[in-house]
Amino acid sequence: MLTLELLAAPAAVSGVRRALRSYGIDVQLCASELVTNVIRHVGEGVPVTVRVWPEEGGRVRLGVTDPDPRALPVLVAAVGAEAESGRGLALLDALAVRWGVEQEAGHKTVWCELFTDAEAVAVTAVGTPETPERPGRRRRSAGALGHSSARS
């Protein structure tokens, strides 16, 4: 498992993307969108934890935890072409196998599961990502996988 502890700030978003580079663009993009949502809807400067860990079937699970269990993500149906925001969760929804929210006292975690090549990401015992010789990723066909009840 890779764990990043940070304060929600625009400069931190690019650091998260760099730290997750070996996990692939989909993981980087979803993490970036989720951290940006914390900045926008919970507030700049709040503590955030980003975790990535391997799951079965060549997937990874990404979780972004913040201290506000009340600020829940809302997937909007559509945003206008001129809108400057509102596409983050739609993008996550399109890329993820499934996603959801876990609320607990004092915090929430927005999580998603994404496909990646099982051989592309190996995680050491101390949480340092390593990229083997054959990086790559698998693509899922649209609608081929069911969605979690957490998002239904």
C-alpha atoms as a PDB file:
ATOM      1  CA  MET A   1       0.000   0.000   0.000  1.00  0.00           C
ATOM      2  CA  LEU A   2       1.157   3.500  -0.781  1.00  0.00           C
ATOM      3  CA  THR A   3      -0.004   6.199   1.658  1.00  0.00           C
ATOM      4  CA  LEU A   4       0.402   9.945   1.132  1.00  0.00           C
ATOM      5  CA  GLU A   5      -0.399  12.418   3.928  1.00  0.00           C
ATOM      6  CA  LEU A   6      -0.830  16.022   2.787  1.00  0.00           C
ATOM      7  CA  LEU A   7      -2.673  19.267   3.270  1.00  0.00           C
ATOM      8  CA  ALA A   8      -5.282  20.047   0.631  1.00  0.00           C
ATOM      9  CA  ALA A   9      -3.810  22.759  -1.571  1.00  0.00           C
ATOM     10  CA  PRO A  10      -3.556  23.295  -5.324  1.00  0.00           C
ATOM     11  CA  ALA A  11       0.220  22.712  -5.220  1.00  0.00           C
ATOM     12  CA  ALA A  12      -0.342  19.325  -3.547  1.00  0.00           C
ATOM     13  CA  VAL A  13      -2.376  18.036  -6.506  1.00  0.00           C
ATOM     14  CA  SER A  14       0.623  17.917  -8.833  1.00  0.00           C
ATOM     15  CA  GLY A  15       2.661  16.211  -6.095  1.00  0.00           C
ATOM     16  CA  VAL A  16       0.006  13.508  -5.804  1.00  0.00           C
ATOM     17  CA  ARG A  17       0.091  12.962  -9.571  1.00  0.00           C
ATOM     18  CA  ARG A  18       3.893  12.629  -9.495  1.00  0.00           C
ATOM     19  CA  ALA A  19       3.799  10.192  -6.566  1.00  0.00           C
ATOM     20  CA  LEU A  20       1.257   8.001  -8.390  1.00  0.00           C
ATOM     21  CA  ARG A  21       2.973   8.056 -11.792  1.00  0.00           C
ATOM     22  CA  SER A  22       3.839   4.334 -11.704  1.00  0.00           C
ATOM     23  CA  TYR A  23       0.156   3.436 -11.210  1.00  0.00           C
ATOM     24  CA  GLY A  24      -0.853   4.871 -14.577  1.00  0.00           C
ATOM     25  CA  ILE A  25      -2.750   7.848 -15.900  1.00  0.00           C
ATOM     26  CA  ASP A  26      -6.215   6.681 -14.779  1.00  0.00           C
ATOM     27  CA  VAL A  27      -5.129   6.448 -11.125  1.00  0.00           C
ATOM     28  CA  GLN A  28      -3.313   9.788 -11.370  1.00  0.00           C
ATOM     29  CA  LEU A  29      -6.347  11.464 -12.919  1.00  0.00           C
ATOM     30  CA  CYS A  30      -8.850  10.082 -10.401  1.00  0.00           C
ATOM     31  CA  ALA A  31      -6.612  10.985  -7.449  1.00  0.00           C
ATOM     32  CA  SER A  32      -6.153  14.479  -8.853  1.00  0.00           C
ATOM     33  CA  GLU A  33      -9.912  14.960  -9.235  1.00  0.00           C
ATOM     34  CA  LEU A  34     -10.663  13.653  -5.729  1.00  0.00           C
ATOM     35  CA  VAL A  35      -8.032  15.833  -4.034  1.00  0.00           C
ATOM     36  CA  THR A  36      -9.277  18.832  -6.031  1.00  0.00           C
ATOM     37  CA  ASN A  37     -12.817  18.085  -4.803  1.00  0.00           C
ATOM     38  CA  VAL A  38     -11.558  18.168  -1.203  1.00  0.00           C
ATOM     39  CA  ILE A  39      -9.998  21.590  -1.838  1.00  0.00           C
ATOM     40  CA  ARG A  40     -13.169  22.913  -3.470  1.00  0.00           C
ATOM     41  CA  HIS A  41     -15.829  21.414  -1.167  1.00  0.00           C
ATOM     42  CA  VAL A  42     -14.123  20.872   2.206  1.00  0.00           C
ATOM     43  CA  GLY A  43     -11.482  23.581   2.162  1.00  0.00           C
ATOM     44  CA  GLU A  44      -7.901  24.400   1.458  1.00  0.00           C
ATOM     45  CA  GLY A  45      -5.410  23.352   4.123  1.00  0.00           C
ATOM     46  CA  VAL A  46      -7.390  20.423   5.560  1.00  0.00           C
ATOM     47  CA  PRO A  47      -5.513  17.143   6.089  1.00  0.00           C
ATOM     48  CA  VAL A  48      -5.953  14.565   3.327  1.00  0.00           C
ATOM     49  CA  THR A  49      -4.805  10.966   3.106  1.00  0.00           C
ATOM     50  CA  VAL A  50      -4.390   9.329  -0.303  1.00  0.00           C
ATOM     51  CA  ARG A  51      -4.015   5.539  -0.331  1.00  0.00           C
ATOM     52  CA  VAL A  52      -3.484   3.115  -3.206  1.00  0.00           C
ATOM     53  CA  TRP A  53      -3.377  -0.626  -2.774  1.00  0.00           C
ATOM     54  CA  PRO A  54      -3.610  -3.654  -5.058  1.00  0.00           C
ATOM     55  CA  GLU A  55      -6.859  -5.593  -5.385  1.00  0.00           C
ATOM     56  CA  GLU A  56      -7.577  -8.901  -7.090  1.00  0.00           C
ATOM     57  CA  GLY A  57      -7.964  -9.162 -10.843  1.00  0.00           C
ATOM     58  CA  GLY A  58      -5.392  -6.567 -11.885  1.00  0.00           C
ATOM     59  CA  ARG A  59      -7.157  -3.690 -10.129  1.00  0.00           C
ATOM     60  CA  VAL A  60      -5.988  -1.075  -7.670  1.00  0.00           C
ATOM     61  CA  ARG A  61      -8.115   0.706  -5.113  1.00  0.00           C
ATOM     62  CA  LEU A  62      -7.627   4.421  -4.586  1.00  0.00           C
ATOM     63  CA  GLY A  63      -8.990   6.108  -1.473  1.00  0.00           C
ATOM     64  CA  VAL A  64      -8.952   9.813  -0.590  1.00  0.00           C
ATOM     65  CA  THR A  65      -9.862  10.584   3.021  1.00  0.00           C
ATOM     66  CA  ASP A  66     -10.766  14.025   4.377  1.00  0.00           C
ATOM     67  CA  PRO A  67     -12.091  15.248   7.749  1.00  0.00           C
ATOM     68  CA  ASP A  68     -15.628  16.225   6.666  1.00  0.00           C
ATOM     69  CA  PRO A  69     -18.082  13.307   6.637  1.00  0.00           C
ATOM     70  CA  ARG A  70     -20.906  15.643   5.548  1.00  0.00           C
ATOM     71  CA  ALA A  71     -19.469  16.966   2.255  1.00  0.00           C
ATOM     72  CA  LEU A  72     -20.525  14.075   0.034  1.00  0.00           C
ATOM     73  CA  PRO A  73     -19.735  13.788  -3.671  1.00  0.00           C
ATOM     74  CA  VAL A  74     -22.619  14.273  -6.089  1.00  0.00           C
ATOM     75  CA  LEU A  75     -22.497  12.934  -9.631  1.00  0.00           C
ATOM     76  CA  VAL A  76     -24.214  15.539 -11.816  1.00  0.00           C
ATOM     77  CA  ALA A  77     -25.980  14.415 -14.981  1.00  0.00           C
ATOM     78  CA  ALA A  78     -24.328  16.890 -17.334  1.00  0.00           C
ATOM     79  CA  VAL A  79     -22.504  20.187 -17.301  1.00  0.00           C
ATOM     80  CA  GLY A  80     -22.543  22.785 -20.024  1.00  0.00           C
ATOM     81  CA  ALA A  81     -19.686  23.205 -22.462  1.00  0.00           C
ATOM     82  CA  GLU A  82     -18.794  26.549 -20.879  1.00  0.00           C
ATOM     83  CA  ALA A  83     -18.703  25.224 -17.291  1.00  0.00           C
ATOM     84  CA  GLU A  84     -15.306  25.454 -15.609  1.00  0.00           C
ATOM     85  CA  SER A  85     -15.994  22.654 -13.131  1.00  0.00           C
ATOM     86  CA  GLY A  86     -18.339  19.758 -12.459  1.00  0.00           C
ATOM     87  CA  ARG A  87     -16.743  17.060 -14.601  1.00  0.00           C
ATOM     88  CA  GLY A  88     -14.487  15.385 -12.009  1.00  0.00           C
ATOM     89  CA  LEU A  89     -16.884  12.753 -10.700  1.00  0.00           C
ATOM     90  CA  ALA A  90     -18.225  12.054 -14.192  1.00  0.00           C
ATOM     91  CA  LEU A  91     -14.658  11.371 -15.266  1.00  0.00           C
ATOM     92  CA  LEU A  92     -14.060   9.142 -12.237  1.00  0.00           C
ATOM     93  CA  ASP A  93     -17.339   7.338 -12.961  1.00  0.00           C
ATOM     94  CA  ALA A  94     -16.243   6.681 -16.548  1.00  0.00           C
ATOM     95  CA  LEU A  95     -12.780   5.384 -15.592  1.00  0.00           C
ATOM     96  CA  ALA A  96     -13.538   3.368 -12.458  1.00  0.00           C
ATOM     97  CA  VAL A  97     -14.816  -0.186 -12.278  1.00  0.00           C
ATOM     98  CA  ARG A  98     -16.796   0.996  -9.257  1.00  0.00           C
ATOM     99  CA  TRP A  99     -16.628   3.777  -6.692  1.00  0.00           C
ATOM    100  CA  GLY A 100     -18.288   4.894  -3.505  1.00  0.00           C
ATOM    101  CA  VAL A 101     -18.049   6.705  -0.189  1.00  0.00           C
ATOM    102  CA  GLU A 102     -17.333   5.368   3.286  1.00  0.00           C
ATOM    103  CA  GLN A 103     -18.470   7.665   6.093  1.00  0.00           C
ATOM    104  CA  GLU A 104     -17.163   7.323   9.625  1.00  0.00           C
ATOM    105  CA  ALA A 105     -17.154   9.563  12.673  1.00  0.00           C
ATOM    106  CA  GLY A 106     -14.964  12.536  11.859  1.00  0.00           C
ATOM    107  CA  HIS A 107     -14.057  11.680   8.268  1.00  0.00           C
ATOM    108  CA  LYS A 108     -15.060  10.166   4.953  1.00  0.00           C
ATOM    109  CA  THR A 109     -13.214   8.285   2.241  1.00  0.00           C
ATOM    110  CA  VAL A 110     -14.143   8.532  -1.422  1.00  0.00           C
ATOM    111  CA  TRP A 111     -12.743   5.455  -3.142  1.00  0.00           C
ATOM    112  CA  CYS A 112     -12.622   3.891  -6.559  1.00  0.00           C
ATOM    113  CA  GLU A 113     -11.288   0.729  -8.140  1.00  0.00           C
ATOM    114  CA  LEU A 114      -9.456   0.951 -11.439  1.00  0.00           C
ATOM    115  CA  PHE A 115      -7.920  -1.580 -13.783  1.00  0.00           C
ATOM    116  CA  THR A 116      -4.181  -1.629 -14.207  1.00  0.00           C
ATOM    117  CA  ASP A 117      -1.821  -4.280 -15.483  1.00  0.00           C
ATOM    118  CA  ALA A 118      -1.234  -6.531 -12.453  1.00  0.00           C
ATOM    119  CA  GLU A 119       2.459  -6.724 -13.364  1.00  0.00           C
ATOM    120  CA  ALA A 120       2.834  -2.978 -13.877  1.00  0.00           C
ATOM    121  CA  VAL A 121       2.646  -2.077 -10.212  1.00  0.00           C
ATOM    122  CA  ALA A 122       4.358  -3.936  -7.417  1.00  0.00           C
ATOM    123  CA  VAL A 123       4.217  -2.459  -3.945  1.00  0.00           C
ATOM    124  CA  THR A 124       6.957  -3.179  -1.457  1.00  0.00           C
ATOM    125  CA  ALA A 125       6.358  -3.769   2.224  1.00  0.00           C
ATOM    126  CA  VAL A 126       7.143  -0.129   3.002  1.00  0.00           C
ATOM    127  CA  GLY A 127       4.755   1.219   0.364  1.00  0.00           C
ATOM    128  CA  THR A 128       7.171   2.308  -2.337  1.00  0.00           C
ATOM    129  CA  PRO A 129       5.791   1.789  -5.844  1.00  0.00           C
ATOM    130  CA  GLU A 130       8.071  -0.063  -8.234  1.00  0.00           C
ATOM    131  CA  THR A 131       7.611  -0.392 -11.970  1.00  0.00           C
ATOM    132  CA  PRO A 132       8.775  -3.682 -13.511  1.00  0.00           C
ATOM    133  CA  GLU A 133      10.085  -4.105 -17.047  1.00  0.00           C
ATOM    134  CA  ARG A 134       6.680  -4.632 -18.721  1.00  0.00           C
ATOM    135  CA  PRO A 135       4.444  -1.682 -17.794  1.00  0.00           C
ATOM    136  CA  GLY A 136       0.996  -1.461 -19.338  1.00  0.00           C
ATOM    137  CA  ARG A 137      -2.649  -1.546 -18.506  1.00  0.00           C
ATOM    138  CA  ARG A 138      -5.841  -3.314 -19.403  1.00  0.00           C
ATOM    139  CA  ARG A 139      -8.833  -1.490 -20.745  1.00  0.00           C
ATOM    140  CA  ARG A 140     -12.374  -2.429 -19.919  1.00  0.00           C
ATOM    141  CA  SER A 141     -15.113  -2.103 -22.450  1.00  0.00           C
ATOM    142  CA  ALA A 142     -17.821   0.391 -21.612  1.00  0.00           C
ATOM    143  CA  GLY A 143     -20.581  -1.149 -19.569  1.00  0.00           C
ATOM    144  CA  ALA A 144     -18.864  -4.514 -19.328  1.00  0.00           C
ATOM    145  CA  LEU A 145     -18.624  -4.403 -15.562  1.00  0.00           C
ATOM    146  CA  GLY A 146     -21.340  -3.795 -13.029  1.00  0.00           C
ATOM    147  CA  HIS A 147     -21.255  -0.912 -10.620  1.00  0.00           C
ATOM    148  CA  SER A 148     -20.982  -1.060  -6.869  1.00  0.00           C
ATOM    149  CA  SER A 149     -24.112  -0.593  -4.839  1.00  0.00           C
ATOM    150  CA  ALA A 150     -22.254   2.294  -3.224  1.00  0.00           C
ATOM    151  CA  ARG A 151     -22.802   4.352  -6.335  1.00  0.00           C
ATOM    152  CA  SER A 152     -26.260   3.137  -7.368  1.00  0.00           C
END
